[in-house]
Structures are given as C-alpha cells and as structure tokens.
Amino acid sequence: MSWIIKTFSELTTDELYKILQLRNEVFIVEQECPYQDIDGKDNKSYHIFLEKDNEVIAYSRILKKGISYEQASIGRVIVKKDYRGRNIARDMLLKSISFIENSLHEKEIKIQAQAYLDKFYSSLGFKKISDVYLEDNIPHMDMLYKK
C-alpha cells in the first residue's frame, strides 16, 4: 500500500468513483448528514488516497490557497471505518502537510475540523482559531497550521 496524490484530471473514473463512494458512505450515511458533497472544488484540488484490495480506505483533498480560504486547505478527511485506529489518518495528514509545504510552497493551512478531533489536529500543529459552531448540524471549529 502506498499513498497516491493526483490532480482531478489525473484520476481514473474508477478511482473517482471509489473516492466519492467512500465520501458518501462516511459523511452522508454514517454521519447521517445530508449535504452537498459535490461542491465544485474537486476539479481544482489534489486528491490523496490509500487503496487496499482495490478499495479506497483513506482519502482527503488538498486545496490551493484561494479556493476555500486565503490559505491552502485540507478537507474531506476520511478513513474507512474498518481501518480506523491504525494511525492512517495521522500518516495521511502528515503527507498532506508535506505536499502543501514542499510542492505548493505554502506555509499556512486552514481547516474546518469536527470539534471532537481538536486534540488530533492540535498534535499535528494546528491551532484553534474560532469558537465551535454547527456546520451541517455537527460541531466544527476552524484551525490554522503555520510552518
């Protein structure tokens, strides 16, 4: 298993289908949160994912500055339920941060994090920059990473 980072146009239709399937499975079905996942930003993003046995088991997207925020951003962070608790999310976030710093040459990353993940993101260097608020009826907060 190795991490794959691709632009939208580099994704195969099969990879895109599996990515969207996982996002739907976790964000809409598991979290019981009907929302517009296809938001017009995927085609402007980098997609980092991990496959095992022809299945996407972890995924996030990386957005250049100016797409969601003034800073670069990481979003749609997912690890398939059966693979959680194995440090896959930590590995994926470290690779995403490294890509943003080394390939996009950015020093700041802004994220919108679910509030219960405060300690996880803080351990990666993110700092809380907003109060907790509801986004799609789930408590979130804005966090910022500075190199």
Foldseek 3Di string as FASTA:
>chain_A
DDKDKAALVPDDPLRVVLLVVQLCVVVCPVVVFDDDPPDPCRNQWIKIFDDDPSHTFWIKIWHCAPPPHNHIEIDSTDGHPVPPPPCPSVVRVVVNVCCCCPVVVGFKYKYKAQVVCQVVVVVVAWDFDADWDADSHTTITMIMHGD
